[in-house]
Amino acid sequence: MSAVNSKQSGPAVALRAIFRTLSLRYYKTHPGRFLLCILGLSAGVAVAGSINLTNSRVIESFSDSMDTLAGNANLRITDDRGIPPEQLSTLRFVWDHGQFTPFVRLDGAVRSSGSAGEDAGETRAVVLFGFDFLGARRIRGLAFGDRDANPDSPLPPEDGTQENETSGPPGAPRNAESFPNPRDLPELVVAANSVIGAPGESVTITINGQPREFLISRVLEGINGRYPPVNTAYLELATAMKFAPGGKLSGVDLMLAPEAVAEIRPQLEAAFPGAEILTLAERKQITNDMLAAFQMNLQALGIVALLVSAYLVYNTINISVIQREGLIASLLSLGAGPRQVFAALILEGIWLGIIGGALGLLCGYGRSLIASREVDLTLETVFRLDVIRGDADGLFALLVSFLLGVLFAALAAALPAYRGAQVPVATLRRPGRSEFHPRVLGVSAGAAAIFLG
């Protein structure tokens, strides 16, 4: 009797005793109902968690690829019509505040060599960038690798070493002196782990509907300390302009002192009328806005899954309250207050939410790993992005799904808990009601209609 009497024990001790008597003992004798509720909750949290984790990876992949390709540049000029090379002379004033480097961007398609675990002969989209390899070193921080990407290549450097010092200045890609190029093919630099090919190989890339053959001269291992995006290749700027529409540049990257950006921007707008001049932060914001609708739709699916799980919690606790009306009346007659009964049933919902949510976290993370290949393939082939394998934001997304699962379970328990707290002591003197009582079925049907829309 004293175990449930708050006058003889502290509120926390009394609540723990009521919870143990009212909830733990009930689910110990009804394991099937407990498992059904937990599995339903874990499914909802798993779906919401995997969706949130995928959203986080997509956003981070876009952001990381932008950071990589921008290097140290903090302002970019682009024009859909292209920028004539001679127009660069108007940027002379920039040298007083920083540096600039032009670039060319080309879309192409290439047949995979199968060297990175892909099926040989598979056609994949590739993005080619034309960079000034030597002039843009400070802005892009290009790091070229040796022949490690293809150690079995039958085409060693002239001097038999890993590096041919006469092939060009430090940081320059290999030229025909390193790899025989009797047909004088344009030289191509591929990203690390590329499926395009390996140094010393020739590859045909379709650009603007025309097949073009290149000699892979070297591997680009990093841009400003980051791995380059997969399915990208790089050309010397002069070579890339031969394939660019109208021989025009795609844009110009500028590395300016932060305080000079606002000062120079009006001059750039006057020098390049109609061009888009954006900082890196503004470009990221545009991308986030573009992805907002996509994310909202996916998150809505996650919320629906959590609502279905919450209904399972509601239905489980609601039926169990009806079955436990006699026990609740006994506790009330022994000194437990309605508020204590209400709190114990809310605690029951939280308890179910924690167990189901923890299981859902593991299932959601596992589900995201299973689906990661398809997600990674989309990011790499469609958007040509870096793939983010794991980060703090992804773990935070899983944690948010777990907390939402616990919150929804607690809210779902509120109505049954209120009904349980209103059980009259006189219930001890009348037959128990069935969970299939018309009134109970009406409440359950109404709740289902609200949750499921």
Protein backbone atom coordinates (compact mmCIF):
# COMPACT_ATOMS: atom_id res chain seq x y z
CA MET A 1 0.00 0.00 0.00
CA SER A 2 2.78 2.39 0.90
CA ALA A 3 4.47 1.73 -2.44
CA VAL A 4 1.90 3.83 -4.25
CA ASN A 5 1.12 6.35 -1.54
CA SER A 6 2.90 9.61 -2.22
CA LYS A 7 2.38 10.62 1.42
CA GLN A 8 4.57 7.74 2.62
CA SER A 9 7.14 7.92 -0.19
CA GLY A 10 8.58 10.49 -2.55
CA PRO A 11 6.75 11.32 -5.80
CA ALA A 12 9.49 9.74 -7.92
CA VAL A 13 9.45 6.52 -5.88
CA ALA A 14 5.65 6.36 -6.05
CA LEU A 15 5.65 6.97 -9.81
CA ARG A 16 8.26 4.26 -10.32
CA ALA A 17 6.20 1.81 -8.26
CA ILE A 18 3.01 2.62 -10.21
CA PHE A 19 4.84 2.31 -13.54
CA ARG A 20 6.31 -1.06 -12.54
CA THR A 21 2.95 -2.36 -11.37
CA LEU A 22 0.80 -0.86 -14.10
CA SER A 23 3.02 -1.12 -17.21
CA LEU A 24 5.99 -3.45 -16.83
CA ARG A 25 3.96 -6.32 -15.40
CA TYR A 26 1.29 -5.88 -18.06
CA TYR A 27 3.68 -6.08 -21.01
CA LYS A 28 5.53 -8.97 -19.37
CA THR A 29 2.30 -10.96 -19.60
CA HIS A 30 1.44 -9.57 -23.09
CA PRO A 31 4.73 -9.84 -25.03
CA GLY A 32 3.01 -9.99 -28.41
CA ARG A 33 1.37 -6.60 -27.96
CA PHE A 34 4.66 -5.16 -26.73
CA LEU A 35 6.59 -6.49 -29.75
CA LEU A 36 3.96 -5.24 -32.21
CA CYS A 37 4.14 -1.75 -30.76
CA ILE A 38 7.96 -1.70 -30.67
CA LEU A 39 8.34 -3.02 -34.21
CA GLY A 40 5.82 -0.49 -35.53
CA LEU A 41 7.64 2.36 -33.81
CA SER A 42 11.04 1.17 -35.00
CA ALA A 43 9.76 0.98 -38.59
CA GLY A 44 8.55 4.57 -38.46
CA VAL A 45 11.77 5.88 -36.92
CA ALA A 46 13.83 3.83 -39.39
CA VAL A 47 12.02 5.31 -42.39
CA ALA A 48 12.23 8.87 -41.05
CA GLY A 49 15.87 8.40 -40.02
CA SER A 50 17.00 7.02 -43.36
CA ILE A 51 15.19 9.84 -45.20
CA ASN A 52 16.77 12.52 -42.99
CA LEU A 53 20.19 10.90 -43.36
CA THR A 54 19.84 10.78 -47.15
CA ASN A 55 18.76 14.45 -47.22
CA SER A 56 21.79 15.40 -45.14
CA ARG A 57 24.15 13.50 -47.43
CA VAL A 58 22.71 15.09 -50.56
CA ILE A 59 23.04 18.62 -49.16
CA GLU A 60 26.56 18.00 -47.90
CA SER A 61 27.56 16.46 -51.24
CA PHE A 62 26.41 19.55 -53.15
CA SER A 63 28.11 21.84 -50.66
CA ASP A 64 31.37 19.89 -50.58
CA SER A 65 31.61 19.74 -54.38
CA MET A 66 31.10 23.49 -54.60
CA ASP A 67 33.82 24.07 -52.01
CA THR A 68 36.18 21.73 -53.84
CA LEU A 69 35.83 23.18 -57.32
CA ALA A 70 35.90 26.77 -56.05
CA GLY A 71 39.20 26.24 -54.23
CA ASN A 72 40.09 29.49 -52.51
CA ALA A 73 37.86 31.59 -54.76
CA ASN A 74 35.11 33.52 -53.00
CA LEU A 75 33.40 35.11 -56.02
CA ARG A 76 32.39 33.68 -59.40
CA ILE A 77 31.30 35.28 -62.67
CA THR A 78 29.25 33.09 -65.04
CA ASP A 79 27.29 33.83 -68.18
CA ASP A 80 25.07 31.39 -70.09
CA ARG A 81 26.11 33.15 -73.31
CA GLY A 82 29.77 32.57 -72.55
CA ILE A 83 32.51 35.08 -71.80
CA PRO A 84 34.81 36.13 -74.67
CA PRO A 85 38.48 35.69 -73.69
CA GLU A 86 39.30 39.25 -74.71
CA GLN A 87 36.85 40.52 -72.09
CA LEU A 88 39.27 39.38 -69.37
CA SER A 89 41.29 42.53 -70.00
CA THR A 90 38.58 44.47 -68.16
CA LEU A 91 39.60 42.67 -64.96
CA ARG A 92 42.97 44.41 -64.66
CA PHE A 93 41.75 46.32 -61.61
CA VAL A 94 41.23 43.02 -59.75
CA TRP A 95 44.99 42.51 -59.33
CA ASP A 96 45.01 45.36 -56.80
CA HIS A 97 42.66 43.34 -54.56
CA GLY A 98 43.38 39.68 -55.34
CA GLN A 99 43.57 37.22 -58.22
CA PHE A 100 41.30 35.70 -60.82
CA THR A 101 41.39 32.65 -63.07
CA PRO A 102 39.06 31.72 -65.94
CA PHE A 103 37.61 28.27 -66.51
CA VAL A 104 35.65 26.26 -69.07
CA ARG A 105 33.00 23.68 -68.18
CA LEU A 106 31.95 21.03 -70.69
CA ASP A 107 29.45 18.18 -70.39
CA GLY A 108 30.36 14.89 -71.99
CA ALA A 109 29.83 11.14 -71.98
CA VAL A 110 32.42 8.38 -71.77
CA ARG A 111 32.43 4.61 -71.76
CA SER A 112 33.71 3.29 -68.42
CA SER A 113 36.95 1.34 -68.40
CA GLY A 114 35.69 -0.74 -65.47
CA SER A 115 38.78 0.12 -63.46
CA ALA A 116 36.83 1.26 -60.38
CA GLY A 117 34.54 -1.70 -60.01
CA GLU A 118 32.04 -0.52 -62.62
CA ASP A 119 30.94 -2.56 -65.61
CA ALA A 120 33.30 -2.07 -68.51
CA GLY A 121 31.66 -0.37 -71.48
CA GLU A 122 29.01 1.38 -69.37
CA THR A 123 28.29 4.89 -70.65
CA ARG A 124 28.57 7.51 -67.95
CA ALA A 125 28.21 11.26 -67.85
CA VAL A 126 31.39 13.21 -67.22
CA VAL A 127 32.14 16.88 -66.65
CA LEU A 128 35.29 18.36 -68.15
CA PHE A 129 36.85 21.46 -66.67
CA GLY A 130 39.38 23.60 -68.44
CA PHE A 131 41.76 25.12 -65.89
CA ASP A 132 44.92 27.15 -66.14
CA PHE A 133 47.00 24.52 -64.33
CA LEU A 134 49.96 26.82 -63.60
CA GLY A 135 48.31 30.23 -63.32
CA ALA A 136 45.58 29.05 -60.93
CA ARG A 137 47.77 27.23 -58.42
CA ARG A 138 47.11 29.66 -55.58
CA ILE A 139 43.36 29.75 -56.18
CA ARG A 140 42.68 26.07 -56.86
CA GLY A 141 45.56 24.35 -55.08
CA LEU A 142 45.76 21.54 -57.64
CA ALA A 143 47.67 18.45 -56.50
CA PHE A 144 48.68 16.02 -59.24
CA GLY A 145 49.53 12.38 -58.53
CA ASP A 146 52.09 10.07 -60.06
CA ARG A 147 51.54 6.80 -61.89
CA ASP A 148 50.11 5.10 -58.77
CA ALA A 149 46.68 4.99 -60.39
CA ASN A 150 48.05 2.54 -62.98
CA PRO A 151 51.28 0.91 -61.66
CA ASP A 152 51.10 -1.82 -64.33
CA SER A 153 51.08 0.65 -67.20
CA PRO A 154 53.48 -0.41 -69.98
CA LEU A 155 54.25 3.25 -70.63
CA PRO A 156 56.83 4.37 -68.02
CA PRO A 157 58.30 7.87 -67.98
CA GLU A 158 61.33 8.47 -70.15
CA ASP A 159 63.85 8.36 -67.31
CA GLY A 160 62.31 5.27 -65.71
CA THR A 161 61.36 7.10 -62.49
CA GLN A 162 58.00 7.96 -61.01
CA GLU A 163 58.48 11.62 -61.87
CA ASN A 164 59.95 13.15 -64.99
CA GLU A 165 61.42 16.48 -63.93
CA THR A 166 61.76 17.62 -67.55
CA SER A 167 58.09 17.12 -68.33
CA GLY A 168 57.13 20.56 -67.10
CA PRO A 169 57.05 22.86 -64.06
CA PRO A 170 55.93 21.46 -60.69
CA GLY A 171 52.22 20.86 -60.68
CA ALA A 172 51.91 20.52 -64.44
CA PRO A 173 50.37 17.37 -65.91
CA ARG A 174 52.50 14.91 -67.81
CA ASN A 175 53.06 15.62 -71.47
CA ALA A 176 54.10 13.57 -74.48
CA GLU A 177 57.66 13.20 -73.13
CA SER A 178 56.27 11.15 -70.22
CA PHE A 179 53.71 9.13 -72.17
CA PRO A 180 54.27 8.54 -75.90
CA ASN A 181 51.71 10.54 -77.87
CA PRO A 182 52.51 9.93 -81.54
CA ARG A 183 49.07 11.12 -82.68
CA ASP A 184 49.43 14.33 -80.67
CA LEU A 185 46.17 13.76 -78.81
CA PRO A 186 44.87 16.42 -76.42
CA GLU A 187 45.99 15.55 -72.91
CA LEU A 188 43.46 14.82 -70.19
CA VAL A 189 43.85 14.72 -66.42
CA VAL A 190 41.40 12.44 -64.59
CA ALA A 191 40.16 12.60 -61.00
CA ALA A 192 41.45 10.11 -58.45
CA ASN A 193 39.42 6.84 -58.41
CA SER A 194 38.09 7.73 -61.82
CA VAL A 195 36.29 5.16 -63.99
CA ILE A 196 37.30 7.07 -67.11
CA GLY A 197 40.70 5.46 -67.43
CA ALA A 198 44.28 5.45 -66.16
CA PRO A 199 47.42 7.40 -67.14
CA GLY A 200 48.83 6.28 -70.47
CA GLU A 201 45.48 5.20 -71.87
CA SER A 202 43.54 6.89 -74.62
CA VAL A 203 39.85 7.56 -74.12
CA THR A 204 37.02 8.82 -76.33
CA ILE A 205 34.67 11.38 -74.80
CA THR A 206 31.58 12.66 -76.59
CA ILE A 207 31.39 16.45 -76.31
CA ASN A 208 28.57 18.41 -77.93
CA GLY A 209 27.60 15.31 -79.87
CA GLN A 210 31.10 14.83 -81.31
CA PRO A 211 33.45 12.03 -80.17
CA ARG A 212 36.85 13.36 -79.14
CA GLU A 213 39.89 11.24 -78.33
CA PHE A 214 42.23 12.17 -75.48
CA LEU A 215 45.39 10.81 -73.91
CA ILE A 216 45.14 10.49 -70.13
CA SER A 217 48.35 12.08 -68.90
CA ARG A 218 47.94 12.23 -65.14
CA VAL A 219 45.70 11.94 -62.07
CA LEU A 220 44.39 14.94 -60.15
CA GLU A 221 44.45 13.85 -56.51
CA GLY A 222 43.22 17.02 -54.86
CA ILE A 223 41.86 20.53 -55.25
CA ASN A 224 42.68 22.78 -52.32
CA GLY A 225 43.23 19.77 -50.05
CA ARG A 226 40.01 17.97 -51.07
CA TYR A 227 39.41 14.99 -53.30
CA PRO A 228 38.08 16.10 -56.70
CA PRO A 229 34.53 15.07 -57.56
CA VAL A 230 34.25 11.70 -59.26
CA ASN A 231 33.43 11.50 -62.96
CA THR A 232 35.29 14.72 -63.64
CA ALA A 233 38.23 15.28 -65.97
CA TYR A 234 40.47 18.29 -66.51
CA LEU A 235 42.10 19.95 -69.51
CA GLU A 236 44.48 22.80 -69.98
CA LEU A 237 42.41 25.94 -70.48
CA ALA A 238 43.68 26.52 -74.04
CA THR A 239 42.78 22.94 -75.00
CA ALA A 240 39.31 23.14 -73.43
CA MET A 241 38.51 26.36 -75.32
CA LYS A 242 38.89 24.49 -78.61
CA PHE A 243 35.82 22.43 -77.65
CA ALA A 244 33.85 25.22 -75.95
CA PRO A 245 30.88 26.67 -77.87
CA GLY A 246 32.08 29.75 -79.71
CA GLY A 247 35.49 29.42 -78.09
CA LYS A 248 34.17 31.27 -75.06
CA LEU A 249 34.87 30.87 -71.36
CA SER A 250 32.25 29.49 -68.99
CA GLY A 251 33.21 31.75 -66.11
CA VAL A 252 35.84 33.40 -63.97
CA ASP A 253 36.72 32.61 -60.36
CA LEU A 254 38.06 35.42 -58.20
CA MET A 255 40.00 35.20 -54.95
CA LEU A 256 39.58 38.53 -53.20
CA ALA A 257 40.13 39.93 -49.76
CA PRO A 258 36.79 39.62 -47.91
CA GLU A 259 36.54 43.36 -47.40
CA ALA A 260 37.08 43.97 -51.14
CA VAL A 261 34.15 41.88 -52.37
CA ALA A 262 31.50 44.54 -51.76
CA GLU A 263 33.73 47.24 -53.25
CA ILE A 264 34.57 45.38 -56.45
CA ARG A 265 31.18 43.82 -57.13
CA PRO A 266 29.60 46.97 -58.72
CA GLN A 267 32.62 47.30 -61.03
CA LEU A 268 32.27 43.66 -62.07
CA GLU A 269 28.56 44.12 -62.77
CA ALA A 270 29.40 47.08 -65.00
CA ALA A 271 32.16 45.16 -66.81
CA PHE A 272 30.02 42.03 -67.33
CA PRO A 273 26.43 43.17 -67.97
CA GLY A 274 23.97 40.29 -67.88
CA ALA A 275 26.41 37.95 -66.16
CA GLU A 276 25.69 36.24 -62.85
CA ILE A 277 28.08 37.33 -60.10
CA LEU A 278 27.70 35.34 -56.91
CA THR A 279 29.68 34.55 -53.80
CA LEU A 280 30.15 30.92 -52.75
CA ALA A 281 27.62 31.35 -49.93
CA GLU A 282 25.02 32.71 -52.37
CA ARG A 283 25.55 29.78 -54.74
CA LYS A 284 25.07 27.34 -51.87
CA GLN A 285 21.87 29.10 -50.85
CA ILE A 286 20.49 28.82 -54.39
CA THR A 287 21.25 25.09 -54.33
CA ASN A 288 19.57 24.68 -50.94
CA ASP A 289 16.49 26.51 -52.22
CA MET A 290 16.42 24.24 -55.25
CA LEU A 291 16.51 21.17 -53.01
CA ALA A 292 13.96 22.52 -50.52
CA ALA A 293 10.86 21.13 -52.27
CA PHE A 294 12.52 17.75 -52.76
CA GLN A 295 13.48 17.63 -49.08
CA MET A 296 10.03 18.72 -47.92
CA ASN A 297 8.36 15.90 -49.85
CA LEU A 298 10.71 13.30 -48.41
CA GLN A 299 10.36 14.66 -44.88
CA ALA A 300 6.57 14.53 -45.26
CA LEU A 301 6.88 10.80 -46.00
CA GLY A 302 8.95 10.42 -42.83
CA ILE A 303 6.33 12.27 -40.78
CA VAL A 304 3.58 10.01 -42.19
CA ALA A 305 5.60 6.96 -41.14
CA LEU A 306 5.95 8.41 -37.62
CA LEU A 307 2.22 9.16 -37.47
CA VAL A 308 1.39 5.57 -38.35
CA SER A 309 3.77 4.43 -35.62
CA ALA A 310 2.17 6.85 -33.17
CA TYR A 311 -1.24 5.36 -33.95
CA LEU A 312 0.12 1.92 -33.07
CA VAL A 313 1.24 3.31 -29.70
CA TYR A 314 -2.13 4.96 -29.18
CA ASN A 315 -4.03 1.81 -30.05
CA THR A 316 -1.82 -0.39 -27.87
CA ILE A 317 -2.07 1.81 -24.78
CA ASN A 318 -5.76 2.53 -25.34
CA ILE A 319 -6.66 -1.18 -25.43
CA SER A 320 -4.35 -1.94 -22.53
CA VAL A 321 -5.97 0.79 -20.41
CA ILE A 322 -9.36 -0.84 -20.95
CA GLN A 323 -7.92 -4.19 -19.94
CA ARG A 324 -6.26 -2.64 -16.88
CA GLU A 325 -9.22 -0.63 -15.60
CA GLY A 326 -9.59 -2.96 -12.64
CA LEU A 327 -5.90 -2.62 -11.78
CA ILE A 328 -6.04 1.17 -12.18
CA ALA A 329 -9.09 1.31 -9.89
CA SER A 330 -7.20 -0.78 -7.33
CA LEU A 331 -4.23 1.60 -7.43
CA LEU A 332 -6.51 4.59 -7.03
CA SER A 333 -8.24 2.96 -4.08
CA LEU A 334 -4.85 2.31 -2.45
CA GLY A 335 -3.87 5.97 -2.54
CA ALA A 336 -2.46 6.63 -6.01
CA GLY A 337 -3.69 9.92 -7.45
CA PRO A 338 -5.15 10.41 -10.96
CA ARG A 339 -2.13 12.57 -11.83
CA GLN A 340 0.21 9.75 -10.88
CA VAL A 341 -1.72 7.30 -13.05
CA PHE A 342 -1.68 9.81 -15.91
CA ALA A 343 2.09 10.35 -15.51
CA ALA A 344 2.74 6.60 -15.37
CA LEU A 345 0.87 6.03 -18.64
CA ILE A 346 2.68 8.94 -20.31
CA LEU A 347 5.93 7.40 -19.05
CA GLU A 348 4.78 4.15 -20.63
CA GLY A 349 4.51 5.89 -23.99
CA ILE A 350 7.95 7.46 -23.58
CA TRP A 351 9.38 4.09 -22.56
CA LEU A 352 7.92 2.45 -25.66
CA GLY A 353 9.21 5.34 -27.77
CA ILE A 354 12.75 5.04 -26.43
CA ILE A 355 12.94 1.29 -27.03
CA GLY A 356 11.29 1.47 -30.46
CA GLY A 357 13.27 4.57 -31.40
CA ALA A 358 16.61 3.00 -30.46
CA LEU A 359 15.81 -0.06 -32.56
CA GLY A 360 14.64 2.25 -35.35
CA LEU A 361 17.96 4.14 -35.28
CA LEU A 362 19.87 0.94 -35.95
CA CYS A 363 17.42 -0.15 -38.64
CA GLY A 364 17.42 3.31 -40.26
CA TYR A 365 21.20 3.47 -40.36
CA GLY A 366 21.35 -0.05 -41.81
CA ARG A 367 18.68 0.83 -44.36
CA SER A 368 20.62 3.91 -45.42
CA LEU A 369 23.74 1.78 -45.91
CA ILE A 370 21.80 -0.67 -48.08
CA ALA A 371 20.40 2.18 -50.19
CA SER A 372 23.69 4.09 -50.24
CA ARG A 373 24.89 2.51 -53.48
CA GLU A 374 21.85 3.79 -55.40
CA VAL A 375 22.09 7.21 -53.75
CA ASP A 376 25.83 7.41 -54.41
CA LEU A 377 25.34 6.38 -58.03
CA THR A 378 22.78 9.15 -58.51
CA LEU A 379 25.04 11.75 -56.92
CA GLU A 380 28.04 10.64 -58.95
CA THR A 381 26.50 10.04 -62.39
CA VAL A 382 23.67 12.59 -62.51
CA PHE A 383 25.15 15.46 -60.48
CA ARG A 384 28.86 14.48 -60.61
CA LEU A 385 29.25 15.20 -56.90
CA ASP A 386 31.53 14.07 -54.13
CA VAL A 387 29.86 11.40 -52.01
CA ILE A 388 29.74 12.17 -48.29
CA ARG A 389 30.13 8.89 -46.43
CA GLY A 390 29.38 10.13 -42.94
CA ASP A 391 29.39 13.37 -40.99
CA ALA A 392 28.12 14.96 -37.81
CA ASP A 393 25.06 16.36 -39.60
CA GLY A 394 24.07 12.83 -40.63
CA LEU A 395 24.27 11.63 -37.03
CA PHE A 396 22.25 14.66 -35.96
CA ALA A 397 19.58 13.76 -38.55
CA LEU A 398 19.30 10.27 -37.03
CA LEU A 399 19.09 11.74 -33.53
CA VAL A 400 16.29 14.08 -34.62
CA SER A 401 14.32 11.10 -35.96
CA PHE A 402 14.80 9.28 -32.66
CA LEU A 403 13.60 12.26 -30.62
CA LEU A 404 10.60 12.71 -32.91
CA GLY A 405 9.71 9.05 -32.43
CA VAL A 406 9.81 9.46 -28.65
CA LEU A 407 7.78 12.68 -28.84
CA PHE A 408 5.11 11.16 -31.08
CA ALA A 409 4.86 8.12 -28.80
CA ALA A 410 4.40 10.36 -25.74
CA LEU A 411 1.71 12.41 -27.52
CA ALA A 412 -0.03 9.24 -28.67
CA ALA A 413 -0.20 8.06 -25.07
CA ALA A 414 -1.79 11.29 -23.85
CA LEU A 415 -5.46 10.49 -24.63
CA PRO A 416 -5.36 6.90 -23.26
CA ALA A 417 -3.51 8.22 -20.22
CA TYR A 418 -6.22 10.81 -19.62
CA ARG A 419 -8.90 8.14 -19.90
CA GLY A 420 -6.95 5.91 -17.54
CA ALA A 421 -6.69 8.69 -14.95
CA GLN A 422 -10.50 9.11 -15.08
CA VAL A 423 -11.27 5.47 -14.24
CA PRO A 424 -13.66 5.49 -11.25
CA VAL A 425 -12.93 3.35 -8.23
CA ALA A 426 -16.43 1.90 -8.66
CA THR A 427 -15.02 -0.05 -11.63
CA LEU A 428 -13.93 -2.65 -9.08
CA ARG A 429 -17.62 -3.54 -8.55
CA ARG A 430 -18.70 -3.96 -12.19
CA PRO A 431 -17.71 -6.26 -15.06
CA GLY A 432 -14.81 -5.10 -17.21
CA ARG A 433 -15.44 -3.63 -20.65
CA SER A 434 -14.17 -5.17 -23.84
CA GLU A 435 -11.74 -3.32 -26.06
CA PHE A 436 -14.31 -3.88 -28.80
CA HIS A 437 -16.92 -1.73 -27.03
CA PRO A 438 -18.62 0.52 -29.65
CA ARG A 439 -17.44 3.69 -27.91
CA VAL A 440 -13.85 2.47 -27.85
CA LEU A 441 -14.02 1.45 -31.49
CA GLY A 442 -15.39 4.90 -32.34
CA VAL A 443 -12.51 6.65 -30.58
CA SER A 444 -9.96 4.39 -32.31
CA ALA A 445 -11.53 4.96 -35.73
CA GLY A 446 -11.55 8.71 -35.17
CA ALA A 447 -7.91 8.74 -34.13
CA ALA A 448 -6.97 6.64 -37.16
CA ALA A 449 -8.77 9.08 -39.47
CA ILE A 450 -6.90 12.04 -37.94
CA PHE A 451 -3.48 10.38 -38.07
CA LEU A 452 -3.81 8.88 -41.53
CA GLY A 453 -5.54 11.89 -43.07
